[in-house]
Structures are given as C-alpha cells and as structure tokens.
Amino acid sequence: TLDGDMWVCRSCRTMRDQVQYDQMVREAYLREAEWLSGPDCAEAAGVPKGSVKGWASKGMVGKKLIEGRIHYRISDVREHADRVNLARARESV
C-alpha cells in the first residue's frame, strides 16, 4: 500500500521508501524466479556473466528463450557455481 512517499507492509506494518521497496521486490525476484536473464543469473549466483554463458554453451546449465531473450535456469547455475567453488577450496588446501 502506498502511503504518501512510503510503502507500508500489510502484514508487518513495516514502512519502506520507494528505493527500499524496489530493492525488496528485486531481491524477491532474484530469490524466487526459476529462469533469469544472464546478468540477473550472474548477480543472483555471484558469478561472472561469462561463466553463466560458458556453462550453458557446454550444456551444464539449462537455457531457453523467454520473450526473445535467453534465460538460464538459476538452480543449475547455483549448483554449478557451488561445485566450482568447492573444487577451488579443495585446491587451495
């Protein structure tokens, strides 16, 4: 609900300004979406955009066209990123 320049949560009554509200919506989108664009996938998984595209080109990450743009399955990206990070951690020991 918009209350002047503040958004008020109906369930917890927390007040947020427009910037805070927009950030919360974006975080929820990145957390809950099944398919994301390359830049959004990279941000959500904490990896470079090139890694997402590279993994997809090797068949390690699902991809599909949504509204004319390539989107990647974020669960695949997170899973692959975790494997890469685990391997790097083992190498550094």
PDB file of N, CA and C in Angstrom:
ATOM      1  N   THR A   1       0.846  -1.181   0.000  1.00  0.00           N
ATOM      2  CA  THR A   1       0.000   0.000   0.000  1.00  0.00           C
ATOM      3  C   THR A   1       0.885   1.236   0.000  1.00  0.00           C
ATOM      4  N   LEU A   2       0.589   2.158  -0.852  1.00  0.00           N
ATOM      5  CA  LEU A   2       1.346   3.401  -0.922  1.00  0.00           C
ATOM      6  C   LEU A   2       0.747   4.397   0.047  1.00  0.00           C
ATOM      7  N   ASP A   3       1.586   4.902   0.941  1.00  0.00           N
ATOM      8  CA  ASP A   3       1.127   5.863   1.947  1.00  0.00           C
ATOM      9  C   ASP A   3       2.018   7.086   1.814  1.00  0.00           C
ATOM     10  N   GLY A   4       1.609   8.050   0.984  1.00  0.00           N
ATOM     11  CA  GLY A   4       2.464   9.203   0.709  1.00  0.00           C
ATOM     12  C   GLY A   4       3.685   8.740  -0.065  1.00  0.00           C
ATOM     13  N   ASP A   5       4.855   8.955   0.498  1.00  0.00           N
ATOM     14  CA  ASP A   5       6.093   8.510  -0.128  1.00  0.00           C
ATOM     15  C   ASP A   5       6.603   7.205   0.451  1.00  0.00           C
ATOM     16  N   MET A   6       5.795   6.535   1.241  1.00  0.00           N
ATOM     17  CA  MET A   6       6.231   5.305   1.906  1.00  0.00           C
ATOM     18  C   MET A   6       5.316   4.133   1.523  1.00  0.00           C
ATOM     19  N   TRP A   7       5.905   2.948   1.450  1.00  0.00           N
ATOM     20  CA  TRP A   7       5.154   1.711   1.259  1.00  0.00           C
ATOM     21  C   TRP A   7       5.024   1.057   2.618  1.00  0.00           C
ATOM     22  N   VAL A   8       3.827   0.629   2.950  1.00  0.00           N
ATOM     23  CA  VAL A   8       3.567   0.003   4.245  1.00  0.00           C
ATOM     24  C   VAL A   8       3.155  -1.446   4.011  1.00  0.00           C
ATOM     25  N   CYS A   9       3.891  -2.365   4.615  1.00  0.00           N
ATOM     26  CA  CYS A   9       3.572  -3.788   4.522  1.00  0.00           C
ATOM     27  C   CYS A   9       2.279  -4.063   5.298  1.00  0.00           C
ATOM     28  N   ARG A  10       1.342  -4.735   4.650  1.00  0.00           N
ATOM     29  CA  ARG A  10       0.057  -5.008   5.304  1.00  0.00           C
ATOM     30  C   ARG A  10       0.191  -5.998   6.455  1.00  0.00           C
ATOM     31  N   SER A  11       1.124  -6.940   6.343  1.00  0.00           N
ATOM     32  CA  SER A  11       1.221  -7.959   7.389  1.00  0.00           C
ATOM     33  C   SER A  11       2.058  -7.507   8.583  1.00  0.00           C
ATOM     34  N   CYS A  12       3.189  -6.834   8.351  1.00  0.00           N
ATOM     35  CA  CYS A  12       4.049  -6.471   9.484  1.00  0.00           C
ATOM     36  C   CYS A  12       4.075  -4.972   9.774  1.00  0.00           C
ATOM     37  N   ARG A  13       3.419  -4.179   8.913  1.00  0.00           N
ATOM     38  CA  ARG A  13       3.321  -2.725   9.064  1.00  0.00           C
ATOM     39  C   ARG A  13       4.674  -2.009   8.958  1.00  0.00           C
ATOM     40  N   THR A  14       5.690  -2.687   8.416  1.00  0.00           N
ATOM     41  CA  THR A  14       6.995  -2.065   8.200  1.00  0.00           C
ATOM     42  C   THR A  14       6.866  -1.031   7.087  1.00  0.00           C
ATOM     43  N   MET A  15       7.470   0.138   7.307  1.00  0.00           N
ATOM     44  CA  MET A  15       7.420   1.198   6.305  1.00  0.00           C
ATOM     45  C   MET A  15       8.726   1.209   5.515  1.00  0.00           C
ATOM     46  N   ARG A  16       8.607   1.380   4.209  1.00  0.00           N
ATOM     47  CA  ARG A  16       9.758   1.440   3.320  1.00  0.00           C
ATOM     48  C   ARG A  16       9.570   2.596   2.338  1.00  0.00           C
ATOM     49  N   ASP A  17      10.682   3.238   1.984  1.00  0.00           N
ATOM     50  CA  ASP A  17      10.585   4.255   0.939  1.00  0.00           C
ATOM     51  C   ASP A  17      10.644   3.548  -0.419  1.00  0.00           C
ATOM     52  N   GLN A  18      10.520   4.294  -1.491  1.00  0.00           N
ATOM     53  CA  GLN A  18      10.452   3.710  -2.835  1.00  0.00           C
ATOM     54  C   GLN A  18      11.703   2.902  -3.168  1.00  0.00           C
ATOM     55  N   VAL A  19      12.871   3.401  -2.823  1.00  0.00           N
ATOM     56  CA  VAL A  19      14.126   2.700  -3.107  1.00  0.00           C
ATOM     57  C   VAL A  19      14.181   1.374  -2.347  1.00  0.00           C
ATOM     58  N   GLN A  20      13.827   1.404  -1.078  1.00  0.00           N
ATOM     59  CA  GLN A  20      13.823   0.176  -0.278  1.00  0.00           C
ATOM     60  C   GLN A  20      12.813  -0.826  -0.824  1.00  0.00           C
ATOM     61  N   TYR A  21      11.638  -0.343  -1.202  1.00  0.00           N
ATOM     62  CA  TYR A  21      10.608  -1.212  -1.751  1.00  0.00           C
ATOM     63  C   TYR A  21      11.084  -1.868  -3.047  1.00  0.00           C
ATOM     64  N   ASP A  22      11.642  -1.059  -3.945  1.00  0.00           N
ATOM     65  CA  ASP A  22      12.144  -1.591  -5.213  1.00  0.00           C
ATOM     66  C   ASP A  22      13.225  -2.637  -4.976  1.00  0.00           C
ATOM     67  N   GLN A  23      14.114  -2.391  -4.011  1.00  0.00           N
ATOM     68  CA  GLN A  23      15.178  -3.345  -3.692  1.00  0.00           C
ATOM     69  C   GLN A  23      14.590  -4.658  -3.167  1.00  0.00           C
ATOM     70  N   MET A  24      13.584  -4.569  -2.319  1.00  0.00           N
ATOM     71  CA  MET A  24      12.945  -5.778  -1.786  1.00  0.00           C
ATOM     72  C   MET A  24      12.282  -6.590  -2.900  1.00  0.00           C
ATOM     73  N   VAL A  25      11.629  -5.911  -3.824  1.00  0.00           N
ATOM     74  CA  VAL A  25      10.988  -6.598  -4.940  1.00  0.00           C
ATOM     75  C   VAL A  25      12.040  -7.285  -5.800  1.00  0.00           C
ATOM     76  N   ARG A  26      13.151  -6.599  -6.065  1.00  0.00           N
ATOM     77  CA  ARG A  26      14.232  -7.189  -6.877  1.00  0.00           C
ATOM     78  C   ARG A  26      14.835  -8.406  -6.183  1.00  0.00           C
ATOM     79  N   GLU A  27      15.106  -8.297  -4.892  1.00  0.00           N
ATOM     80  CA  GLU A  27      15.668  -9.422  -4.142  1.00  0.00           C
ATOM     81  C   GLU A  27      14.728 -10.625  -4.168  1.00  0.00           C
ATOM     82  N   ALA A  28      13.441 -10.371  -4.028  1.00  0.00           N
ATOM     83  CA  ALA A  28      12.459 -11.459  -4.073  1.00  0.00           C
ATOM     84  C   ALA A  28      12.443 -12.099  -5.457  1.00  0.00           C
ATOM     85  N   TYR A  29      12.512 -11.285  -6.489  1.00  0.00           N
ATOM     86  CA  TYR A  29      12.553 -11.790  -7.863  1.00  0.00           C
ATOM     87  C   TYR A  29      13.778 -12.675  -8.073  1.00  0.00           C
ATOM     88  N   LEU A  30      14.949 -12.204  -7.683  1.00  0.00           N
ATOM     89  CA  LEU A  30      16.174 -12.990  -7.870  1.00  0.00           C
ATOM     90  C   LEU A  30      16.159 -14.267  -7.042  1.00  0.00           C
ATOM     91  N   ARG A  31      15.516 -14.232  -5.892  1.00  0.00           N
ATOM     92  CA  ARG A  31      15.458 -15.392  -4.998  1.00  0.00           C
ATOM     93  C   ARG A  31      14.431 -16.425  -5.471  1.00  0.00           C
ATOM     94  N   GLU A  32      13.308 -15.979  -6.021  1.00  0.00           N
ATOM     95  CA  GLU A  32      12.186 -16.866  -6.309  1.00  0.00           C
ATOM     96  C   GLU A  32      12.063 -17.324  -7.761  1.00  0.00           C
ATOM     97  N   ALA A  33      12.662 -16.619  -8.701  1.00  0.00           N
ATOM     98  CA  ALA A  33      12.497 -16.957 -10.118  1.00  0.00           C
ATOM     99  C   ALA A  33      13.177 -18.284 -10.454  1.00  0.00           C
ATOM    100  N   GLU A  34      12.599 -19.004 -11.396  1.00  0.00           N
ATOM    101  CA  GLU A  34      13.206 -20.248 -11.870  1.00  0.00           C
ATOM    102  C   GLU A  34      14.168 -19.980 -13.017  1.00  0.00           C
ATOM    103  N   TRP A  35      13.821 -19.037 -13.870  1.00  0.00           N
ATOM    104  CA  TRP A  35      14.628 -18.671 -15.036  1.00  0.00           C
ATOM    105  C   TRP A  35      14.964 -17.185 -14.949  1.00  0.00           C
ATOM    106  N   LEU A  36      16.230 -16.843 -15.195  1.00  0.00           N
ATOM    107  CA  LEU A  36      16.681 -15.446 -15.148  1.00  0.00           C
ATOM    108  C   LEU A  36      17.523 -15.124 -16.370  1.00  0.00           C
ATOM    109  N   SER A  37      17.583 -13.845 -16.714  1.00  0.00           N
ATOM    110  CA  SER A  37      18.472 -13.393 -17.787  1.00  0.00           C
ATOM    111  C   SER A  37      19.920 -13.613 -17.344  1.00  0.00           C
ATOM    112  N   GLY A  38      20.842 -13.532 -18.288  1.00  0.00           N
ATOM    113  CA  GLY A  38      22.262 -13.723 -17.961  1.00  0.00           C
ATOM    114  C   GLY A  38      22.755 -12.795 -16.858  1.00  0.00           C
ATOM    115  N   PRO A  39      22.550 -11.488 -16.989  1.00  0.00           N
ATOM    116  CA  PRO A  39      23.009 -10.580 -15.938  1.00  0.00           C
ATOM    117  C   PRO A  39      22.348 -10.843 -14.578  1.00  0.00           C
ATOM    118  N   ASP A  40      21.040 -11.121 -14.593  1.00  0.00           N
ATOM    119  CA  ASP A  40      20.347 -11.397 -13.329  1.00  0.00           C
ATOM    120  C   ASP A  40      20.824 -12.714 -12.719  1.00  0.00           C
ATOM    121  N   CYS A  41      21.060 -13.709 -13.564  1.00  0.00           N
ATOM    122  CA  CYS A  41      21.553 -15.004 -13.085  1.00  0.00           C
ATOM    123  C   CYS A  41      22.940 -14.833 -12.454  1.00  0.00           C
ATOM    124  N   ALA A  42      23.793 -14.096 -13.100  1.00  0.00           N
ATOM    125  CA  ALA A  42      25.139 -13.861 -12.580  1.00  0.00           C
ATOM    126  C   ALA A  42      25.069 -13.150 -11.226  1.00  0.00           C
ATOM    127  N   GLU A  43      24.212 -12.147 -11.128  1.00  0.00           N
ATOM    128  CA  GLU A  43      24.057 -11.422  -9.863  1.00  0.00           C
ATOM    129  C   GLU A  43      23.522 -12.338  -8.756  1.00  0.00           C
ATOM    130  N   ALA A  44      22.491 -13.114  -9.082  1.00  0.00           N
ATOM    131  CA  ALA A  44      21.865 -13.979  -8.081  1.00  0.00           C
ATOM    132  C   ALA A  44      22.802 -15.068  -7.582  1.00  0.00           C
ATOM    133  N   ALA A  45      23.665 -15.580  -8.471  1.00  0.00           N
ATOM    134  CA  ALA A  45      24.574 -16.669  -8.102  1.00  0.00           C
ATOM    135  C   ALA A  45      25.950 -16.175  -7.668  1.00  0.00           C
ATOM    136  N   GLY A  46      26.228 -14.895  -7.882  1.00  0.00           N
ATOM    137  CA  GLY A  46      27.522 -14.344  -7.505  1.00  0.00           C
ATOM    138  C   GLY A  46      28.666 -14.828  -8.377  1.00  0.00           C
ATOM    139  N   VAL A  47      28.388 -14.954  -9.681  1.00  0.00           N
ATOM    140  CA  VAL A  47      29.411 -15.410 -10.624  1.00  0.00           C
ATOM    141  C   VAL A  47      29.479 -14.437 -11.802  1.00  0.00           C
ATOM    142  N   PRO A  48      30.566 -14.461 -12.562  1.00  0.00           N
ATOM    143  CA  PRO A  48      30.648 -13.593 -13.742  1.00  0.00           C
ATOM    144  C   PRO A  48      29.629 -13.996 -14.815  1.00  0.00           C
ATOM    145  N   LYS A  49      29.147 -13.019 -15.580  1.00  0.00           N
ATOM    146  CA  LYS A  49      28.195 -13.307 -16.657  1.00  0.00           C
ATOM    147  C   LYS A  49      28.769 -14.303 -17.651  1.00  0.00           C
ATOM    148  N   GLY A  50      30.051 -14.185 -17.921  1.00  0.00           N
ATOM    149  CA  GLY A  50      30.692 -15.091 -18.874  1.00  0.00           C
ATOM    150  C   GLY A  50      30.656 -16.540 -18.427  1.00  0.00           C
ATOM    151  N   SER A  51      30.712 -16.766 -17.127  1.00  0.00           N
ATOM    152  CA  SER A  51      30.630 -18.137 -16.613  1.00  0.00           C
ATOM    153  C   SER A  51      29.261 -18.738 -16.905  1.00  0.00           C
ATOM    154  N   VAL A  52      28.214 -17.960 -16.709  1.00  0.00           N
ATOM    155  CA  VAL A  52      26.851 -18.447 -16.963  1.00  0.00           C
ATOM    156  C   VAL A  52      26.723 -18.845 -18.425  1.00  0.00           C
ATOM    157  N   LYS A  53      27.146 -17.974 -19.329  1.00  0.00           N
ATOM    158  CA  LYS A  53      27.047 -18.257 -20.763  1.00  0.00           C
ATOM    159  C   LYS A  53      27.924 -19.447 -21.148  1.00  0.00           C
ATOM    160  N   GLY A  54      29.119 -19.508 -20.593  1.00  0.00           N
ATOM    161  CA  GLY A  54      30.022 -20.615 -20.891  1.00  0.00           C
ATOM    162  C   GLY A  54      29.475 -21.956 -20.433  1.00  0.00           C
ATOM    163  N   TRP A  55      28.951 -21.992 -19.217  1.00  0.00           N
ATOM    164  CA  TRP A  55      28.363 -23.230 -18.702  1.00  0.00           C
ATOM    165  C   TRP A  55      27.173 -23.662 -19.552  1.00  0.00           C
ATOM    166  N   ALA A  56      26.363 -22.700 -19.969  1.00  0.00           N
ATOM    167  CA  ALA A  56      25.193 -23.024 -20.793  1.00  0.00           C
ATOM    168  C   ALA A  56      25.625 -23.561 -22.156  1.00  0.00           C
ATOM    169  N   SER A  57      26.660 -22.976 -22.731  1.00  0.00           N
ATOM    170  CA  SER A  57      27.115 -23.438 -24.051  1.00  0.00           C
ATOM    171  C   SER A  57      27.686 -24.853 -23.993  1.00  0.00           C
ATOM    172  N   LYS A  58      28.117 -25.277 -22.799  1.00  0.00           N
ATOM    173  CA  LYS A  58      28.642 -26.637 -22.614  1.00  0.00           C
ATOM    174  C   LYS A  58      27.559 -27.604 -22.132  1.00  0.00           C
ATOM    175  N   GLY A  59      26.328 -27.128 -22.041  1.00  0.00           N
ATOM    176  CA  GLY A  59      25.223 -27.971 -21.625  1.00  0.00           C
ATOM    177  C   GLY A  59      25.140 -28.219 -20.125  1.00  0.00           C
ATOM    178  N   MET A  60      25.870 -27.438 -19.332  1.00  0.00           N
ATOM    179  CA  MET A  60      25.880 -27.615 -17.877  1.00  0.00           C
ATOM    180  C   MET A  60      24.749 -26.861 -17.190  1.00  0.00           C
ATOM    181  N   VAL A  61      24.164 -25.921 -17.906  1.00  0.00           N
ATOM    182  CA  VAL A  61      23.120 -25.047 -17.358  1.00  0.00           C
ATOM    183  C   VAL A  61      21.984 -24.984 -18.369  1.00  0.00           C
ATOM    184  N   GLY A  62      20.756 -25.163 -17.891  1.00  0.00           N
ATOM    185  CA  GLY A  62      19.607 -25.067 -18.780  1.00  0.00           C
ATOM    186  C   GLY A  62      19.405 -23.647 -19.284  1.00  0.00           C
ATOM    187  N   LYS A  63      18.974 -23.544 -20.543  1.00  0.00           N
ATOM    188  CA  LYS A  63      18.674 -22.222 -21.098  1.00  0.00           C
ATOM    189  C   LYS A  63      17.473 -22.341 -22.017  1.00  0.00           C
ATOM    190  N   LYS A  64      16.729 -21.224 -22.136  1.00  0.00           N
ATOM    191  CA  LYS A  64      15.597 -21.167 -23.052  1.00  0.00           C
ATOM    192  C   LYS A  64      15.285 -19.719 -23.377  1.00  0.00           C
ATOM    193  N   LEU A  65      14.565 -19.545 -24.472  1.00  0.00           N
ATOM    194  CA  LEU A  65      14.142 -18.203 -24.874  1.00  0.00           C
ATOM    195  C   LEU A  65      12.853 -17.839 -24.156  1.00  0.00           C
ATOM    196  N   ILE A  66      12.850 -16.678 -23.562  1.00  0.00           N
ATOM    197  CA  ILE A  66      11.646 -16.116 -22.950  1.00  0.00           C
ATOM    198  C   ILE A  66      11.511 -14.700 -23.486  1.00  0.00           C
ATOM    199  N   GLU A  67      10.426 -14.449 -24.180  1.00  0.00           N
ATOM    200  CA  GLU A  67      10.176 -13.132 -24.777  1.00  0.00           C
ATOM    201  C   GLU A  67      11.355 -12.660 -25.616  1.00  0.00           C
ATOM    202  N   GLY A  68      11.935 -13.587 -26.378  1.00  0.00           N
ATOM    203  CA  GLY A  68      13.013 -13.248 -27.309  1.00  0.00           C
ATOM    204  C   GLY A  68      14.391 -13.094 -26.688  1.00  0.00           C
ATOM    205  N   ARG A  69      14.526 -13.364 -25.396  1.00  0.00           N
ATOM    206  CA  ARG A  69      15.824 -13.243 -24.720  1.00  0.00           C
ATOM    207  C   ARG A  69      16.188 -14.574 -24.076  1.00  0.00           C
ATOM    208  N   ILE A  70      17.468 -14.904 -24.080  1.00  0.00           N
ATOM    209  CA  ILE A  70      17.918 -16.139 -23.447  1.00  0.00           C
ATOM    210  C   ILE A  70      17.873 -15.982 -21.938  1.00  0.00           C
ATOM    211  N   HIS A  71      17.283 -16.980 -21.296  1.00  0.00           N
ATOM    212  CA  HIS A  71      17.234 -17.053 -19.838  1.00  0.00           C
ATOM    213  C   HIS A  71      17.851 -18.377 -19.403  1.00  0.00           C
ATOM    214  N   TYR A  72      18.397 -18.401 -18.211  1.00  0.00           N
ATOM    215  CA  TYR A  72      19.095 -19.568 -17.695  1.00  0.00           C
ATOM    216  C   TYR A  72      18.409 -20.054 -16.426  1.00  0.00           C
ATOM    217  N   ARG A  73      18.431 -21.380 -16.232  1.00  0.00           N
ATOM    218  CA  ARG A  73      17.827 -21.950 -15.020  1.00  0.00           C
ATOM    219  C   ARG A  73      18.754 -21.648 -13.846  1.00  0.00           C
ATOM    220  N   ILE A  74      18.308 -20.816 -12.920  1.00  0.00           N
ATOM    221  CA  ILE A  74      19.145 -20.341 -11.821  1.00  0.00           C
ATOM    222  C   ILE A  74      19.576 -21.473 -10.893  1.00  0.00           C
ATOM    223  N   SER A  75      18.749 -22.488 -10.722  1.00  0.00           N
ATOM    224  CA  SER A  75      19.150 -23.602  -9.851  1.00  0.00           C
ATOM    225  C   SER A  75      20.361 -24.328 -10.433  1.00  0.00           C
ATOM    226  N   ASP A  76      20.425 -24.455 -11.763  1.00  0.00           N
ATOM    227  CA  ASP A  76      21.584 -25.073 -12.412  1.00  0.00           C
ATOM    228  C   ASP A  76      22.833 -24.216 -12.203  1.00  0.00           C
ATOM    229  N   VAL A  77      22.672 -22.910 -12.356  1.00  0.00           N
ATOM    230  CA  VAL A  77      23.814 -22.001 -12.205  1.00  0.00           C
ATOM    231  C   VAL A  77      24.343 -22.052 -10.774  1.00  0.00           C
ATOM    232  N   ARG A  78      23.452 -21.989  -9.800  1.00  0.00           N
ATOM    233  CA  ARG A  78      23.888 -22.050  -8.392  1.00  0.00           C
ATOM    234  C   ARG A  78      24.579 -23.375  -8.085  1.00  0.00           C
ATOM    235  N   GLU A  79      24.018 -24.472  -8.591  1.00  0.00           N
ATOM    236  CA  GLU A  79      24.602 -25.787  -8.355  1.00  0.00           C
ATOM    237  C   GLU A  79      26.004 -25.879  -8.962  1.00  0.00           C
ATOM    238  N   HIS A  80      26.146 -25.405 -10.186  1.00  0.00           N
ATOM    239  CA  HIS A  80      27.461 -25.450 -10.834  1.00  0.00           C
ATOM    240  C   HIS A  80      28.448 -24.515 -10.139  1.00  0.00           C
ATOM    241  N   ALA A  81      27.995 -23.342  -9.747  1.00  0.00           N
ATOM    242  CA  ALA A  81      28.870 -22.402  -9.025  1.00  0.00           C
ATOM    243  C   ALA A  81      29.351 -23.020  -7.716  1.00  0.00           C
ATOM    244  N   ASP A  82      28.452 -23.719  -7.010  1.00  0.00           N
ATOM    245  CA  ASP A  82      28.850 -24.385  -5.759  1.00  0.00           C
ATOM    246  C   ASP A  82      29.916 -25.442  -6.019  1.00  0.00           C
ATOM    247  N   ARG A  83      29.765 -26.215  -7.095  1.00  0.00           N
ATOM    248  CA  ARG A  83      30.772 -27.234  -7.427  1.00  0.00           C
ATOM    249  C   ARG A  83      32.127 -26.601  -7.742  1.00  0.00           C
ATOM    250  N   VAL A  84      32.093 -25.522  -8.506  1.00  0.00           N
ATOM    251  CA  VAL A  84      33.337 -24.829  -8.858  1.00  0.00           C
ATOM    252  C   VAL A  84      34.002 -24.264  -7.610  1.00  0.00           C
ATOM    253  N   ASN A  85      33.217 -23.643  -6.736  1.00  0.00           N
ATOM    254  CA  ASN A  85      33.780 -23.076  -5.502  1.00  0.00           C
ATOM    255  C   ASN A  85      34.335 -24.154  -4.590  1.00  0.00           C
ATOM    256  N   LEU A  86      33.675 -25.318  -4.509  1.00  0.00           N
ATOM    257  CA  LEU A  86      34.159 -26.429  -3.698  1.00  0.00           C
ATOM    258  C   LEU A  86      35.478 -26.952  -4.263  1.00  0.00           C
ATOM    259  N   ALA A  87      35.571 -27.086  -5.567  1.00  0.00           N
ATOM    260  CA  ALA A  87      36.811 -27.551  -6.189  1.00  0.00           C
ATOM    261  C   ALA A  87      37.956 -26.569  -5.932  1.00  0.00           C
ATOM    262  N   ARG A  88      37.672 -25.288  -6.029  1.00  0.00           N
ATOM    263  CA  ARG A  88      38.702 -24.282  -5.770  1.00  0.00           C
ATOM    264  C   ARG A  88      39.157 -24.322  -4.305  1.00  0.00           C
ATOM    265  N   ALA A  89      38.209 -24.522  -3.416  1.00  0.00           N
ATOM    266  CA  ALA A  89      38.557 -24.598  -1.987  1.00  0.00           C
ATOM    267  C   ALA A  89      39.451 -25.807  -1.712  1.00  0.00           C
ATOM    268  N   ARG A  90      39.172 -26.919  -2.354  1.00  0.00           N
ATOM    269  CA  ARG A  90      39.999 -28.111  -2.193  1.00  0.00           C
ATOM    270  C   ARG A  90      41.408 -27.898  -2.733  1.00  0.00           C
ATOM    271  N   GLU A  91      41.508 -27.174  -3.847  1.00  0.00           N
ATOM    272  CA  GLU A  91      42.817 -26.908  -4.452  1.00  0.00           C
ATOM    273  C   GLU A  91      43.673 -26.004  -3.562  1.00  0.00           C
ATOM    274  N   SER A  92      43.025 -25.126  -2.824  1.00  0.00           N
ATOM    275  CA  SER A  92      43.791 -24.156  -2.025  1.00  0.00           C
ATOM    276  C   SER A  92      44.271 -24.743  -0.686  1.00  0.00           C
ATOM    277  N   VAL A  93      43.839 -25.951  -0.373  1.00  0.00           N
ATOM    278  CA  VAL A  93      44.239 -26.568   0.899  1.00  0.00           C
ATOM    279  C   VAL A  93      45.590 -27.196   0.785  1.00  0.00           C
TER     280      VAL A  93
END
